[in-house]
Amino acid sequence: LEHLPRRYARRLTRPELSVSVYEMYLGTDLDVATLDPAPETIIHRTWDLDASFRAGLAGGATSVMVTIPTLTDPSLAPDGCHQVVVAGLAPEPGLGTDEDRLATQYLQAAEEIVPGLGDHLVHVTGADRTPTGQRPPPLHRIDTIYGWATTPRQSGMWRLPATTPVGGLTLAGQWTRPGHGVWTVMASGLQAARHVLGRDPARGVAPPAL
């Protein structure tokens, strides 16, 4: 940081970081499609989303997302199998969270969408054996999943631009403009590519046709 312009260095150290999440990656031989679940379901244990958010940061599974990507792309798993990804807010570090308890709650939430899932696991990422027996599937922590926290002062044009004061370094991703999310991160990649190709609209050069 000492080699960067002071103003730019402040932009890297002062913003608030986003939340982190736990994810669980499961493979099942259940014929999930016959259960007719949605490709993505979010289970909320309370209508009070502010309270749910606070509880999640304290180690509670009050809001759990169950994603089944193989419902839209069957090629992601062997024939007759499906992927199930379960995710929720990760508690703040240092709380001494009981990850086995939390993982059990995640699996129970997933079984509301895919009944019998726990008895039909054929793959568990990070487990020493499959099925996992008496131990719940392991959780995988993804820190600062959105980059900077998504607040009004840290969204859109308040994010880092693609250009940097470091020669040859161009940025793209959830830390940059316009923000986190699949489509916005794709947009940041397009902005970075246009800059590298010298087709940055801000320079008065028309972008390539998409």
N, C-alpha and C. Protein backbone atom coordinates (compact mmCIF):
# COMPACT_ATOMS: atom_id res chain seq x y z
N LEU A 1 0.81 -1.21 0.00
CA LEU A 1 0.00 0.00 0.00
C LEU A 1 0.85 1.27 0.00
N GLU A 2 2.08 1.17 0.58
CA GLU A 2 2.91 2.38 0.66
C GLU A 2 3.35 2.88 -0.70
N HIS A 3 3.22 2.03 -1.73
CA HIS A 3 3.63 2.44 -3.07
C HIS A 3 2.46 3.00 -3.89
N LEU A 4 1.27 2.99 -3.32
CA LEU A 4 0.09 3.49 -4.02
C LEU A 4 -0.17 4.94 -3.64
N PRO A 5 -0.82 5.68 -4.53
CA PRO A 5 -1.27 7.03 -4.13
C PRO A 5 -2.11 6.96 -2.86
N ARG A 6 -1.94 7.93 -1.97
CA ARG A 6 -2.59 7.88 -0.67
C ARG A 6 -4.10 7.78 -0.79
N ARG A 7 -4.67 8.53 -1.71
CA ARG A 7 -6.13 8.53 -1.84
C ARG A 7 -6.64 7.15 -2.27
N TYR A 8 -5.91 6.51 -3.20
CA TYR A 8 -6.33 5.18 -3.66
C TYR A 8 -6.15 4.14 -2.55
N ALA A 9 -5.07 4.26 -1.79
CA ALA A 9 -4.83 3.33 -0.69
C ALA A 9 -5.95 3.40 0.34
N ARG A 10 -6.47 4.61 0.58
CA ARG A 10 -7.58 4.75 1.53
C ARG A 10 -8.82 4.01 1.03
N ARG A 11 -9.00 4.00 -0.28
CA ARG A 11 -10.16 3.32 -0.85
C ARG A 11 -10.07 1.80 -0.66
N LEU A 12 -8.89 1.31 -0.41
CA LEU A 12 -8.70 -0.12 -0.23
C LEU A 12 -8.79 -0.54 1.24
N THR A 13 -8.63 0.38 2.14
CA THR A 13 -8.55 0.02 3.56
C THR A 13 -9.73 0.50 4.39
N ARG A 14 -10.44 1.50 3.92
CA ARG A 14 -11.51 2.09 4.74
C ARG A 14 -12.88 1.44 4.58
N PRO A 15 -13.25 0.93 3.40
CA PRO A 15 -14.61 0.40 3.24
C PRO A 15 -14.89 -0.79 4.13
N GLU A 16 -16.16 -0.97 4.42
CA GLU A 16 -16.63 -2.11 5.21
C GLU A 16 -16.69 -3.35 4.31
N LEU A 17 -16.25 -4.50 4.84
CA LEU A 17 -16.29 -5.74 4.08
C LEU A 17 -17.67 -6.37 4.16
N SER A 18 -17.99 -7.19 3.18
CA SER A 18 -19.30 -7.84 3.14
C SER A 18 -19.35 -9.01 4.10
N VAL A 19 -20.52 -9.59 4.20
CA VAL A 19 -20.70 -10.78 5.02
C VAL A 19 -20.00 -11.97 4.38
N SER A 20 -19.83 -13.03 5.18
CA SER A 20 -19.30 -14.29 4.69
C SER A 20 -20.42 -15.33 4.74
N VAL A 21 -20.22 -16.44 4.05
CA VAL A 21 -21.23 -17.49 4.04
C VAL A 21 -20.59 -18.85 4.29
N TYR A 22 -21.42 -19.77 4.75
CA TYR A 22 -21.07 -21.19 4.77
C TYR A 22 -21.81 -21.87 3.62
N GLU A 23 -21.15 -22.82 2.97
CA GLU A 23 -21.81 -23.61 1.94
C GLU A 23 -21.53 -25.09 2.17
N MET A 24 -22.47 -25.91 1.75
CA MET A 24 -22.38 -27.36 1.85
C MET A 24 -22.64 -27.92 0.46
N TYR A 25 -21.73 -28.79 -0.02
CA TYR A 25 -21.82 -29.31 -1.39
C TYR A 25 -22.12 -30.80 -1.34
N LEU A 26 -23.27 -31.19 -1.85
CA LEU A 26 -23.75 -32.56 -1.74
C LEU A 26 -24.08 -33.14 -3.10
N GLY A 27 -23.89 -34.45 -3.23
CA GLY A 27 -24.34 -35.19 -4.39
C GLY A 27 -25.31 -36.28 -3.94
N THR A 28 -26.39 -36.45 -4.67
CA THR A 28 -27.41 -37.43 -4.28
C THR A 28 -27.85 -38.26 -5.48
N ASP A 29 -28.25 -39.51 -5.21
CA ASP A 29 -28.78 -40.36 -6.27
C ASP A 29 -30.31 -40.34 -6.29
N LEU A 30 -30.90 -39.45 -5.51
CA LEU A 30 -32.36 -39.29 -5.56
C LEU A 30 -32.79 -38.71 -6.91
N ASP A 31 -33.95 -39.13 -7.40
CA ASP A 31 -34.50 -38.54 -8.62
C ASP A 31 -35.17 -37.22 -8.23
N VAL A 32 -34.34 -36.22 -8.05
CA VAL A 32 -34.81 -34.94 -7.50
C VAL A 32 -35.88 -34.30 -8.38
N ALA A 33 -35.76 -34.46 -9.69
CA ALA A 33 -36.68 -33.79 -10.60
C ALA A 33 -38.13 -34.22 -10.35
N THR A 34 -38.35 -35.47 -9.92
CA THR A 34 -39.72 -35.93 -9.68
C THR A 34 -40.33 -35.27 -8.45
N LEU A 35 -39.50 -34.68 -7.59
CA LEU A 35 -40.00 -33.98 -6.41
C LEU A 35 -40.47 -32.57 -6.75
N ASP A 36 -40.13 -32.12 -7.96
CA ASP A 36 -40.55 -30.83 -8.50
C ASP A 36 -40.12 -29.64 -7.64
N PRO A 37 -38.87 -29.61 -7.17
CA PRO A 37 -38.42 -28.42 -6.43
C PRO A 37 -38.00 -27.32 -7.40
N ALA A 38 -37.88 -26.12 -6.90
CA ALA A 38 -37.34 -25.03 -7.71
C ALA A 38 -35.82 -25.17 -7.77
N PRO A 39 -35.18 -24.66 -8.83
CA PRO A 39 -33.72 -24.72 -8.88
C PRO A 39 -33.06 -23.99 -7.71
N GLU A 40 -33.76 -23.00 -7.14
CA GLU A 40 -33.21 -22.27 -6.00
C GLU A 40 -34.35 -21.89 -5.07
N THR A 41 -34.19 -22.21 -3.80
CA THR A 41 -35.21 -21.91 -2.79
C THR A 41 -34.53 -21.30 -1.58
N ILE A 42 -35.09 -20.21 -1.05
CA ILE A 42 -34.59 -19.61 0.18
C ILE A 42 -35.61 -19.85 1.28
N ILE A 43 -35.17 -20.48 2.35
CA ILE A 43 -36.04 -20.79 3.48
C ILE A 43 -35.78 -19.78 4.59
N HIS A 44 -36.80 -19.02 4.97
CA HIS A 44 -36.70 -18.07 6.06
C HIS A 44 -37.49 -18.60 7.26
N ARG A 45 -36.89 -18.56 8.42
CA ARG A 45 -37.55 -19.05 9.64
C ARG A 45 -38.37 -17.96 10.33
N THR A 46 -38.27 -16.75 9.84
CA THR A 46 -39.02 -15.64 10.43
C THR A 46 -39.32 -14.62 9.34
N TRP A 47 -40.43 -13.90 9.51
CA TRP A 47 -40.75 -12.82 8.58
C TRP A 47 -39.90 -11.58 8.83
N ASP A 48 -39.29 -11.51 9.99
CA ASP A 48 -38.46 -10.35 10.34
C ASP A 48 -37.06 -10.57 9.77
N LEU A 49 -36.80 -10.04 8.57
CA LEU A 49 -35.54 -10.30 7.89
C LEU A 49 -34.36 -9.63 8.60
N ASP A 50 -34.60 -8.51 9.26
CA ASP A 50 -33.52 -7.89 10.03
C ASP A 50 -33.10 -8.80 11.18
N ALA A 51 -34.09 -9.36 11.86
CA ALA A 51 -33.78 -10.27 12.96
C ALA A 51 -33.10 -11.54 12.43
N SER A 52 -33.54 -12.01 11.27
CA SER A 52 -32.93 -13.19 10.67
C SER A 52 -31.48 -12.93 10.33
N PHE A 53 -31.19 -11.74 9.81
CA PHE A 53 -29.81 -11.38 9.46
C PHE A 53 -28.93 -11.35 10.71
N ARG A 54 -29.42 -10.73 11.76
CA ARG A 54 -28.65 -10.66 13.00
C ARG A 54 -28.42 -12.05 13.57
N ALA A 55 -29.44 -12.90 13.52
CA ALA A 55 -29.30 -14.25 14.04
C ALA A 55 -28.30 -15.06 13.23
N GLY A 56 -28.28 -14.83 11.91
CA GLY A 56 -27.31 -15.53 11.07
C GLY A 56 -25.88 -15.17 11.43
N LEU A 57 -25.65 -13.90 11.70
CA LEU A 57 -24.31 -13.46 12.09
C LEU A 57 -23.93 -13.97 13.48
N ALA A 58 -24.92 -14.36 14.25
CA ALA A 58 -24.66 -14.89 15.59
C ALA A 58 -24.55 -16.41 15.61
N GLY A 59 -24.74 -17.05 14.44
CA GLY A 59 -24.57 -18.50 14.39
C GLY A 59 -25.85 -19.28 14.23
N GLY A 60 -26.94 -18.64 13.85
CA GLY A 60 -28.20 -19.34 13.67
C GLY A 60 -28.51 -19.59 12.20
N ALA A 61 -29.19 -20.70 11.91
CA ALA A 61 -29.58 -21.03 10.54
C ALA A 61 -31.00 -20.55 10.28
N THR A 62 -31.21 -19.25 10.40
CA THR A 62 -32.56 -18.70 10.25
C THR A 62 -32.91 -18.39 8.80
N SER A 63 -31.93 -18.40 7.92
CA SER A 63 -32.17 -18.17 6.49
C SER A 63 -31.20 -19.05 5.72
N VAL A 64 -31.74 -20.03 4.99
CA VAL A 64 -30.92 -21.01 4.30
C VAL A 64 -31.34 -21.09 2.84
N MET A 65 -30.36 -21.09 1.95
CA MET A 65 -30.64 -21.17 0.51
C MET A 65 -30.26 -22.56 0.00
N VAL A 66 -31.18 -23.20 -0.71
CA VAL A 66 -30.96 -24.52 -1.28
C VAL A 66 -30.98 -24.40 -2.80
N THR A 67 -29.85 -24.70 -3.43
CA THR A 67 -29.72 -24.58 -4.88
C THR A 67 -29.45 -25.96 -5.48
N ILE A 68 -30.15 -26.28 -6.57
CA ILE A 68 -29.98 -27.57 -7.25
C ILE A 68 -29.62 -27.27 -8.70
N PRO A 69 -28.34 -27.01 -8.98
CA PRO A 69 -27.96 -26.57 -10.33
C PRO A 69 -28.22 -27.60 -11.42
N THR A 70 -28.26 -28.88 -11.05
CA THR A 70 -28.48 -29.92 -12.06
C THR A 70 -29.90 -29.94 -12.61
N LEU A 71 -30.81 -29.22 -11.99
CA LEU A 71 -32.16 -29.12 -12.56
C LEU A 71 -32.16 -28.30 -13.84
N THR A 72 -31.19 -27.39 -13.97
CA THR A 72 -31.10 -26.58 -15.19
C THR A 72 -29.95 -27.05 -16.09
N ASP A 73 -28.96 -27.75 -15.51
CA ASP A 73 -27.83 -28.27 -16.31
C ASP A 73 -27.49 -29.67 -15.81
N PRO A 74 -28.17 -30.70 -16.34
CA PRO A 74 -27.94 -32.08 -15.87
C PRO A 74 -26.51 -32.56 -16.08
N SER A 75 -25.76 -31.93 -16.97
CA SER A 75 -24.39 -32.38 -17.25
C SER A 75 -23.44 -32.16 -16.08
N LEU A 76 -23.89 -31.44 -15.04
CA LEU A 76 -23.04 -31.16 -13.89
C LEU A 76 -22.90 -32.36 -12.95
N ALA A 77 -23.64 -33.42 -13.18
CA ALA A 77 -23.56 -34.61 -12.33
C ALA A 77 -23.72 -35.85 -13.20
N PRO A 78 -23.25 -37.00 -12.73
CA PRO A 78 -23.45 -38.25 -13.48
C PRO A 78 -24.93 -38.54 -13.68
N ASP A 79 -25.23 -39.36 -14.67
CA ASP A 79 -26.62 -39.74 -14.93
C ASP A 79 -27.26 -40.32 -13.68
N GLY A 80 -28.47 -39.86 -13.39
CA GLY A 80 -29.20 -40.35 -12.24
C GLY A 80 -28.87 -39.67 -10.93
N CYS A 81 -27.96 -38.68 -10.98
CA CYS A 81 -27.56 -37.97 -9.75
C CYS A 81 -27.81 -36.47 -9.88
N HIS A 82 -27.82 -35.81 -8.74
CA HIS A 82 -28.03 -34.35 -8.72
C HIS A 82 -27.07 -33.71 -7.72
N GLN A 83 -26.74 -32.47 -7.97
CA GLN A 83 -26.00 -31.64 -7.04
C GLN A 83 -26.99 -30.86 -6.17
N VAL A 84 -26.66 -30.71 -4.91
CA VAL A 84 -27.43 -29.86 -4.00
C VAL A 84 -26.44 -29.00 -3.22
N VAL A 85 -26.60 -27.70 -3.31
CA VAL A 85 -25.73 -26.76 -2.60
C VAL A 85 -26.59 -26.04 -1.56
N VAL A 86 -26.16 -26.08 -0.32
CA VAL A 86 -26.90 -25.44 0.77
C VAL A 86 -26.03 -24.33 1.34
N ALA A 87 -26.59 -23.14 1.52
CA ALA A 87 -25.79 -22.00 1.95
C ALA A 87 -26.56 -21.14 2.95
N GLY A 88 -25.79 -20.45 3.78
CA GLY A 88 -26.37 -19.52 4.74
C GLY A 88 -25.30 -18.59 5.26
N LEU A 89 -25.71 -17.58 5.99
CA LEU A 89 -24.75 -16.62 6.54
C LEU A 89 -23.78 -17.30 7.50
N ALA A 90 -22.52 -16.94 7.40
CA ALA A 90 -21.52 -17.45 8.33
C ALA A 90 -21.42 -16.49 9.52
N PRO A 91 -21.33 -17.02 10.71
CA PRO A 91 -21.18 -16.15 11.89
C PRO A 91 -19.89 -15.35 11.83
N GLU A 92 -19.86 -14.27 12.54
CA GLU A 92 -18.64 -13.48 12.62
C GLU A 92 -17.54 -14.29 13.29
N PRO A 93 -16.29 -14.13 12.86
CA PRO A 93 -15.20 -14.91 13.44
C PRO A 93 -15.09 -14.70 14.96
N GLY A 94 -14.64 -15.74 15.63
CA GLY A 94 -14.39 -15.64 17.07
C GLY A 94 -15.59 -15.95 17.94
N LEU A 95 -16.71 -16.37 17.35
CA LEU A 95 -17.90 -16.65 18.16
C LEU A 95 -17.92 -18.08 18.69
N GLY A 96 -16.99 -18.90 18.25
CA GLY A 96 -16.97 -20.28 18.71
C GLY A 96 -18.17 -21.06 18.23
N THR A 97 -18.52 -20.92 16.95
CA THR A 97 -19.72 -21.55 16.41
C THR A 97 -19.59 -23.07 16.38
N ASP A 98 -20.66 -23.75 16.74
CA ASP A 98 -20.74 -25.20 16.65
C ASP A 98 -21.11 -25.54 15.21
N GLU A 99 -20.09 -25.83 14.38
CA GLU A 99 -20.34 -26.05 12.97
C GLU A 99 -21.13 -27.33 12.71
N ASP A 100 -20.95 -28.36 13.55
CA ASP A 100 -21.73 -29.58 13.36
C ASP A 100 -23.21 -29.30 13.57
N ARG A 101 -23.54 -28.52 14.60
CA ARG A 101 -24.95 -28.17 14.85
C ARG A 101 -25.51 -27.38 13.68
N LEU A 102 -24.74 -26.42 13.20
CA LEU A 102 -25.19 -25.58 12.09
C LEU A 102 -25.35 -26.42 10.82
N ALA A 103 -24.40 -27.32 10.56
CA ALA A 103 -24.48 -28.17 9.38
C ALA A 103 -25.71 -29.07 9.44
N THR A 104 -26.03 -29.58 10.63
CA THR A 104 -27.23 -30.41 10.79
C THR A 104 -28.48 -29.60 10.45
N GLN A 105 -28.54 -28.36 10.87
CA GLN A 105 -29.68 -27.51 10.56
C GLN A 105 -29.76 -27.22 9.06
N TYR A 106 -28.60 -27.04 8.42
CA TYR A 106 -28.59 -26.83 6.97
C TYR A 106 -29.17 -28.05 6.25
N LEU A 107 -28.71 -29.24 6.67
CA LEU A 107 -29.18 -30.46 6.02
C LEU A 107 -30.68 -30.66 6.26
N GLN A 108 -31.15 -30.34 7.45
CA GLN A 108 -32.58 -30.44 7.73
C GLN A 108 -33.37 -29.48 6.84
N ALA A 109 -32.83 -28.29 6.62
CA ALA A 109 -33.50 -27.34 5.73
C ALA A 109 -33.54 -27.88 4.31
N ALA A 110 -32.42 -28.46 3.86
CA ALA A 110 -32.38 -29.01 2.50
C ALA A 110 -33.39 -30.15 2.34
N GLU A 111 -33.60 -30.93 3.42
CA GLU A 111 -34.54 -32.04 3.33
C GLU A 111 -35.99 -31.57 3.28
N GLU A 112 -36.25 -30.33 3.61
CA GLU A 112 -37.60 -29.78 3.40
C GLU A 112 -37.87 -29.63 1.90
N ILE A 113 -36.80 -29.44 1.13
CA ILE A 113 -36.94 -29.30 -0.32
C ILE A 113 -36.73 -30.64 -1.02
N VAL A 114 -35.79 -31.43 -0.50
CA VAL A 114 -35.47 -32.74 -1.09
C VAL A 114 -35.62 -33.78 0.03
N PRO A 115 -36.81 -34.27 0.30
CA PRO A 115 -37.01 -35.25 1.37
C PRO A 115 -36.14 -36.49 1.17
N GLY A 116 -35.53 -36.95 2.27
CA GLY A 116 -34.69 -38.15 2.20
C GLY A 116 -33.28 -37.89 1.74
N LEU A 117 -32.92 -36.64 1.57
CA LEU A 117 -31.59 -36.31 1.04
C LEU A 117 -30.47 -36.91 1.88
N GLY A 118 -30.57 -36.79 3.22
CA GLY A 118 -29.50 -37.26 4.09
C GLY A 118 -29.23 -38.75 3.97
N ASP A 119 -30.23 -39.53 3.55
CA ASP A 119 -30.06 -40.98 3.41
C ASP A 119 -29.65 -41.38 2.00
N HIS A 120 -29.50 -40.40 1.11
CA HIS A 120 -29.17 -40.72 -0.28
C HIS A 120 -28.01 -39.85 -0.78
N LEU A 121 -27.00 -39.71 0.05
CA LEU A 121 -25.82 -38.96 -0.34
C LEU A 121 -24.80 -39.90 -0.99
N VAL A 122 -24.36 -39.55 -2.18
CA VAL A 122 -23.33 -40.34 -2.86
C VAL A 122 -22.01 -39.58 -2.93
N HIS A 123 -22.04 -38.29 -2.62
CA HIS A 123 -20.81 -37.49 -2.59
C HIS A 123 -21.01 -36.32 -1.64
N VAL A 124 -20.01 -36.08 -0.82
CA VAL A 124 -20.01 -34.93 0.08
C VAL A 124 -18.64 -34.28 0.00
N THR A 125 -18.57 -33.10 -0.57
CA THR A 125 -17.28 -32.43 -0.75
C THR A 125 -16.64 -32.14 0.61
N GLY A 126 -15.42 -32.59 0.78
CA GLY A 126 -14.69 -32.34 2.02
C GLY A 126 -14.86 -33.41 3.08
N ALA A 127 -15.74 -34.39 2.85
CA ALA A 127 -15.95 -35.45 3.84
C ALA A 127 -14.92 -36.56 3.64
N ASP A 128 -14.53 -37.21 4.72
CA ASP A 128 -13.56 -38.29 4.61
C ASP A 128 -14.18 -39.57 4.08
N ARG A 129 -15.50 -39.64 4.09
CA ARG A 129 -16.19 -40.81 3.53
C ARG A 129 -17.62 -40.39 3.19
N THR A 130 -18.26 -41.17 2.33
CA THR A 130 -19.63 -40.89 1.93
C THR A 130 -20.42 -42.20 1.97
N PRO A 131 -21.59 -42.23 2.61
CA PRO A 131 -22.20 -41.14 3.38
C PRO A 131 -21.43 -40.83 4.66
N THR A 132 -21.80 -39.75 5.31
CA THR A 132 -21.00 -39.25 6.42
C THR A 132 -21.31 -39.92 7.75
N GLY A 133 -22.24 -40.84 7.78
CA GLY A 133 -22.51 -41.54 9.04
C GLY A 133 -23.13 -40.61 10.06
N GLN A 134 -22.58 -40.64 11.28
CA GLN A 134 -23.15 -39.86 12.37
C GLN A 134 -22.76 -38.39 12.30
N ARG A 135 -21.73 -38.06 11.53
CA ARG A 135 -21.30 -36.66 11.44
C ARG A 135 -22.02 -35.97 10.29
N PRO A 136 -22.45 -34.74 10.49
CA PRO A 136 -23.09 -34.01 9.40
C PRO A 136 -22.07 -33.63 8.34
N PRO A 137 -22.51 -33.32 7.13
CA PRO A 137 -21.58 -32.89 6.08
C PRO A 137 -20.82 -31.63 6.51
N PRO A 138 -19.58 -31.50 6.09
CA PRO A 138 -18.79 -30.32 6.49
C PRO A 138 -19.27 -29.05 5.80
N LEU A 139 -19.05 -27.94 6.47
CA LEU A 139 -19.35 -26.62 5.92
C LEU A 139 -18.07 -26.01 5.35
N HIS A 140 -18.21 -25.25 4.29
CA HIS A 140 -17.07 -24.57 3.67
C HIS A 140 -17.32 -23.06 3.77
N ARG A 141 -16.40 -22.36 4.38
CA ARG A 141 -16.57 -20.92 4.59
C ARG A 141 -16.03 -20.15 3.39
N ILE A 142 -16.82 -19.20 2.92
CA ILE A 142 -16.40 -18.29 1.86
C ILE A 142 -16.44 -16.88 2.45
N ASP A 143 -15.29 -16.31 2.67
CA ASP A 143 -15.22 -15.00 3.31
C ASP A 143 -15.54 -13.87 2.34
N THR A 144 -16.14 -12.81 2.89
CA THR A 144 -16.46 -11.58 2.14
C THR A 144 -16.97 -11.90 0.73
N ILE A 145 -18.07 -12.62 0.67
CA ILE A 145 -18.55 -13.16 -0.60
C ILE A 145 -18.92 -12.07 -1.60
N TYR A 146 -19.30 -10.88 -1.12
CA TYR A 146 -19.68 -9.80 -2.03
C TYR A 146 -18.58 -8.76 -2.20
N GLY A 147 -17.38 -9.04 -1.67
CA GLY A 147 -16.34 -8.01 -1.70
C GLY A 147 -16.64 -6.99 -0.63
N TRP A 148 -16.75 -5.73 -1.03
CA TRP A 148 -17.17 -4.70 -0.08
C TRP A 148 -18.63 -4.91 0.28
N ALA A 149 -19.01 -4.50 1.48
CA ALA A 149 -20.41 -4.59 1.90
C ALA A 149 -21.29 -3.79 0.94
N THR A 150 -22.48 -4.34 0.68
CA THR A 150 -23.40 -3.68 -0.25
C THR A 150 -24.22 -2.65 0.50
N THR A 151 -23.64 -1.48 0.70
CA THR A 151 -24.31 -0.36 1.34
C THR A 151 -24.44 0.76 0.32
N PRO A 152 -25.32 1.74 0.56
CA PRO A 152 -25.48 2.82 -0.41
C PRO A 152 -24.17 3.53 -0.75
N ARG A 153 -23.28 3.68 0.22
CA ARG A 153 -22.02 4.39 -0.02
C ARG A 153 -20.94 3.49 -0.61
N GLN A 154 -21.27 2.23 -0.84
CA GLN A 154 -20.27 1.30 -1.38
C GLN A 154 -20.81 0.53 -2.58
N SER A 155 -21.85 1.05 -3.23
CA SER A 155 -22.46 0.37 -4.36
C SER A 155 -22.33 1.22 -5.62
N GLY A 156 -22.52 0.56 -6.76
CA GLY A 156 -22.50 1.28 -8.03
C GLY A 156 -21.19 2.01 -8.26
N MET A 157 -21.28 3.29 -8.53
CA MET A 157 -20.09 4.08 -8.85
C MET A 157 -19.18 4.29 -7.65
N TRP A 158 -19.62 3.91 -6.45
CA TRP A 158 -18.76 4.02 -5.28
C TRP A 158 -17.79 2.85 -5.20
N ARG A 159 -17.99 1.81 -6.02
CA ARG A 159 -17.05 0.69 -6.07
C ARG A 159 -15.77 1.14 -6.79
N LEU A 160 -14.75 0.29 -6.73
CA LEU A 160 -13.51 0.58 -7.45
C LEU A 160 -13.75 0.54 -8.95
N PRO A 161 -13.14 1.45 -9.71
CA PRO A 161 -13.23 1.37 -11.17
C PRO A 161 -12.32 0.29 -11.71
N ALA A 162 -12.47 0.00 -12.99
CA ALA A 162 -11.60 -1.01 -13.62
C ALA A 162 -10.15 -0.54 -13.67
N THR A 163 -9.95 0.74 -13.84
CA THR A 163 -8.59 1.27 -13.94
C THR A 163 -7.97 1.42 -12.56
N THR A 164 -6.65 1.30 -12.50
CA THR A 164 -5.91 1.45 -11.25
C THR A 164 -4.67 2.30 -11.50
N PRO A 165 -4.05 2.81 -10.45
CA PRO A 165 -2.81 3.57 -10.62
C PRO A 165 -1.59 2.68 -10.87
N VAL A 166 -1.81 1.36 -10.91
CA VAL A 166 -0.71 0.42 -11.18
C VAL A 166 -0.70 0.09 -12.66
N GLY A 167 0.39 0.37 -13.33
CA GLY A 167 0.47 0.12 -14.75
C GLY A 167 0.21 -1.34 -15.10
N GLY A 168 -0.67 -1.57 -16.06
CA GLY A 168 -0.98 -2.92 -16.51
C GLY A 168 -1.95 -3.68 -15.65
N LEU A 169 -2.45 -3.08 -14.57
CA LEU A 169 -3.39 -3.76 -13.69
C LEU A 169 -4.80 -3.22 -13.91
N THR A 170 -5.71 -4.09 -14.33
CA THR A 170 -7.11 -3.74 -14.54
C THR A 170 -7.97 -4.66 -13.68
N LEU A 171 -9.01 -4.10 -13.08
CA LEU A 171 -9.82 -4.86 -12.12
C LEU A 171 -11.17 -5.28 -12.71
N ALA A 172 -11.64 -6.43 -12.24
CA ALA A 172 -12.99 -6.90 -12.55
C ALA A 172 -13.43 -7.79 -11.40
N GLY A 173 -14.74 -7.90 -11.19
CA GLY A 173 -15.25 -8.76 -10.13
C GLY A 173 -16.15 -8.02 -9.17
N GLN A 174 -16.52 -8.70 -8.08
CA GLN A 174 -17.51 -8.15 -7.15
C GLN A 174 -17.01 -6.95 -6.36
N TRP A 175 -15.68 -6.75 -6.33
CA TRP A 175 -15.14 -5.60 -5.61
C TRP A 175 -15.25 -4.32 -6.43
N THR A 176 -15.54 -4.45 -7.70
CA THR A 176 -15.48 -3.32 -8.62
C THR A 176 -16.88 -2.89 -9.07
N ARG A 177 -16.92 -1.85 -9.86
CA ARG A 177 -18.19 -1.38 -10.41
C ARG A 177 -18.70 -2.38 -11.45
N PRO A 178 -20.03 -2.60 -11.49
CA PRO A 178 -21.07 -1.95 -10.69
C PRO A 178 -21.39 -2.65 -9.37
N GLY A 179 -20.84 -3.85 -9.09
CA GLY A 179 -21.11 -4.48 -7.80
C GLY A 179 -21.16 -5.99 -7.90
N HIS A 180 -21.74 -6.62 -6.85
CA HIS A 180 -21.76 -8.07 -6.79
C HIS A 180 -22.95 -8.63 -7.56
N GLY A 181 -22.93 -9.93 -7.76
CA GLY A 181 -24.00 -10.60 -8.48
C GLY A 181 -23.51 -11.06 -9.85
N VAL A 182 -24.14 -12.11 -10.38
CA VAL A 182 -23.67 -12.71 -11.64
C VAL A 182 -23.63 -11.69 -12.76
N TRP A 183 -24.74 -11.01 -13.00
CA TRP A 183 -24.80 -10.13 -14.17
C TRP A 183 -23.94 -8.88 -13.98
N THR A 184 -23.90 -8.35 -12.77
CA THR A 184 -23.09 -7.16 -12.55
C THR A 184 -21.60 -7.48 -12.63
N VAL A 185 -21.19 -8.66 -12.16
CA VAL A 185 -19.79 -9.04 -12.29
C VAL A 185 -19.43 -9.28 -13.76
N MET A 186 -20.36 -9.84 -14.52
CA MET A 186 -20.12 -9.97 -15.96
C MET A 186 -19.94 -8.60 -16.60
N ALA A 187 -20.75 -7.64 -16.16
CA ALA A 187 -20.62 -6.28 -16.69
C ALA A 187 -19.25 -5.69 -16.35
N SER A 188 -18.75 -5.98 -15.14
CA SER A 188 -17.44 -5.47 -14.77
C SER A 188 -16.35 -6.09 -15.64
N GLY A 189 -16.53 -7.36 -16.01
CA GLY A 189 -15.58 -8.00 -16.91
C GLY A 189 -15.58 -7.37 -18.28
N LEU A 190 -16.77 -7.00 -18.77
CA LEU A 190 -16.85 -6.31 -20.06
C LEU A 190 -16.17 -4.95 -20.00
N GLN A 191 -16.39 -4.24 -18.91
CA GLN A 191 -15.74 -2.93 -18.75
C GLN A 191 -14.22 -3.08 -18.74
N ALA A 192 -13.72 -4.09 -18.03
CA ALA A 192 -12.28 -4.30 -17.97
C ALA A 192 -11.72 -4.66 -19.34
N ALA A 193 -12.45 -5.52 -20.08
CA ALA A 193 -11.99 -5.92 -21.41
C ALA A 193 -11.97 -4.73 -22.36
N ARG A 194 -12.99 -3.89 -22.28
CA ARG A 194 -13.03 -2.71 -23.14
C ARG A 194 -11.86 -1.77 -22.84
N HIS A 195 -11.55 -1.65 -21.56
CA HIS A 195 -10.42 -0.79 -21.18
C HIS A 195 -9.12 -1.35 -21.74
N VAL A 196 -8.90 -2.66 -21.57
CA VAL A 196 -7.66 -3.28 -22.06
C VAL A 196 -7.55 -3.16 -23.58
N LEU A 197 -8.68 -3.28 -24.27
CA LEU A 197 -8.68 -3.21 -25.73
C LEU A 197 -8.67 -1.77 -26.26
N GLY A 198 -8.70 -0.81 -25.35
CA GLY A 198 -8.73 0.57 -25.78
C GLY A 198 -10.06 1.00 -26.34
N ARG A 199 -11.12 0.33 -25.93
CA ARG A 199 -12.46 0.65 -26.42
C ARG A 199 -13.36 1.14 -25.30
N ASP A 200 -12.77 1.81 -24.37
CA ASP A 200 -13.50 2.34 -23.21
C ASP A 200 -14.40 3.47 -23.67
N PRO A 201 -15.74 3.37 -23.48
CA PRO A 201 -16.65 4.45 -23.90
C PRO A 201 -16.27 5.79 -23.29
N ALA A 202 -15.66 5.78 -22.08
CA ALA A 202 -15.30 7.03 -21.43
C ALA A 202 -14.23 7.77 -22.23
N ARG A 203 -13.52 7.07 -23.09
CA ARG A 203 -12.49 7.70 -23.91
C ARG A 203 -13.03 8.16 -25.26
N GLY A 204 -14.33 7.96 -25.45
CA GLY A 204 -14.92 8.40 -26.70
C GLY A 204 -14.80 7.39 -27.81
N VAL A 205 -14.49 6.13 -27.48
CA VAL A 205 -14.37 5.09 -28.48
C VAL A 205 -15.54 4.12 -28.30
N ALA A 206 -16.23 3.81 -29.38
CA ALA A 206 -17.40 2.96 -29.29
C ALA A 206 -17.03 1.57 -28.82
N PRO A 207 -17.81 1.00 -27.90
CA PRO A 207 -17.54 -0.36 -27.43
C PRO A 207 -17.86 -1.37 -28.53
N PRO A 208 -17.32 -2.57 -28.44
CA PRO A 208 -17.64 -3.59 -29.45
C PRO A 208 -19.08 -4.01 -29.35
N ALA A 209 -19.64 -4.44 -30.46
CA ALA A 209 -21.02 -4.92 -30.47
C ALA A 209 -21.11 -6.21 -29.68
N LEU A 210 -22.18 -6.36 -28.91
CA LEU A 210 -22.37 -7.56 -28.09
C LEU A 210 -23.44 -8.44 -28.69
